Amino acid sequence: MTLTIESSTNDQLISVDIYTLSGKKLKSVRVPSNVYRFKTVLPAYSGALLVNVKSRNGQLTVKVIQY
């Protein structure tokens, strides 16, 4: 499954970290400079994941459910 992350405010993305609900880090990606839209493939995992997106102006964590 591909996850697309886009900054609606043209805030530069820095990194994307993907965790299980128990806190185990499955994937960490540094986003190339000057990128406002980024695609990444989610790890092979069935269930809920936490996706933490860091940008120049802060960070956001969302829950993604993958089957």
Protein backbone atom coordinates (compact mmCIF):
# COMPACT_ATOMS: atom_id res chain seq x y z
CA MET A 1 0.00 0.00 0.00
CA THR A 2 1.32 3.42 -0.93
CA LEU A 3 0.87 6.37 1.40
CA THR A 4 0.91 9.90 -0.04
CA ILE A 5 1.66 12.79 2.30
CA GLU A 6 1.13 16.35 1.15
CA SER A 7 1.55 19.65 2.95
CA SER A 8 -1.53 21.80 2.33
CA THR A 9 0.29 24.90 3.55
CA ASN A 10 3.47 24.37 1.51
CA ASP A 11 5.29 23.50 4.72
CA GLN A 12 8.47 21.60 3.84
CA LEU A 13 8.36 17.94 4.92
CA ILE A 14 11.37 16.57 6.83
CA SER A 15 10.73 12.94 7.79
CA VAL A 16 8.14 10.17 8.04
CA ASP A 17 8.29 7.52 10.79
CA ILE A 18 5.94 4.53 10.93
CA TYR A 19 5.27 2.65 14.20
CA THR A 20 3.11 -0.19 15.45
CA LEU A 21 0.63 0.70 18.18
CA SER A 22 3.02 -0.87 20.70
CA GLY A 23 5.74 1.63 19.68
CA LYS A 24 8.00 -0.54 17.50
CA LYS A 25 9.47 1.52 14.65
CA LEU A 26 8.87 -0.22 11.32
CA LYS A 27 10.17 2.41 8.92
CA SER A 28 11.92 5.77 8.99
CA VAL A 29 12.33 7.94 5.90
CA ARG A 30 14.09 11.27 5.51
CA VAL A 31 12.30 13.37 2.92
CA PRO A 32 14.52 15.05 0.30
CA SER A 33 14.94 18.84 0.57
CA ASN A 34 12.24 21.17 -0.75
CA VAL A 35 9.59 18.45 -0.98
CA TYR A 36 5.96 19.27 -0.16
CA ARG A 37 4.40 16.02 -1.46
CA PHE A 38 5.90 12.61 -0.71
CA LYS A 39 4.96 8.98 -1.42
CA THR A 40 6.17 5.96 0.53
CA VAL A 41 5.24 2.28 0.63
CA LEU A 42 3.89 1.10 3.97
CA PRO A 43 5.65 -1.91 5.54
CA ALA A 44 4.04 -5.34 5.17
CA TYR A 45 1.93 -5.24 8.31
CA SER A 46 -1.72 -6.01 8.97
CA GLY A 47 -3.51 -3.77 11.45
CA ALA A 48 -3.20 -0.25 12.80
CA LEU A 49 -0.06 1.82 12.35
CA LEU A 50 0.95 5.24 13.62
CA VAL A 51 2.44 7.55 11.00
CA ASN A 52 4.42 10.49 12.37
CA VAL A 53 5.14 13.27 9.86
CA LYS A 54 7.64 15.98 10.75
CA SER A 55 7.80 19.28 8.90
CA ARG A 56 9.58 22.58 9.40
CA ASN A 57 6.64 23.92 11.44
CA GLY A 58 5.87 20.90 13.64
CA GLN A 59 4.72 17.31 13.55
CA LEU A 60 1.51 15.31 13.19
CA THR A 61 0.75 11.71 14.10
CA VAL A 62 -2.15 9.86 12.45
CA LYS A 63 -3.46 6.31 12.76
CA VAL A 64 -3.61 4.27 9.54
CA ILE A 65 -5.38 0.91 9.35
CA GLN A 66 -3.97 -1.52 6.80
CA TYR A 67 -5.26 -5.00 5.93
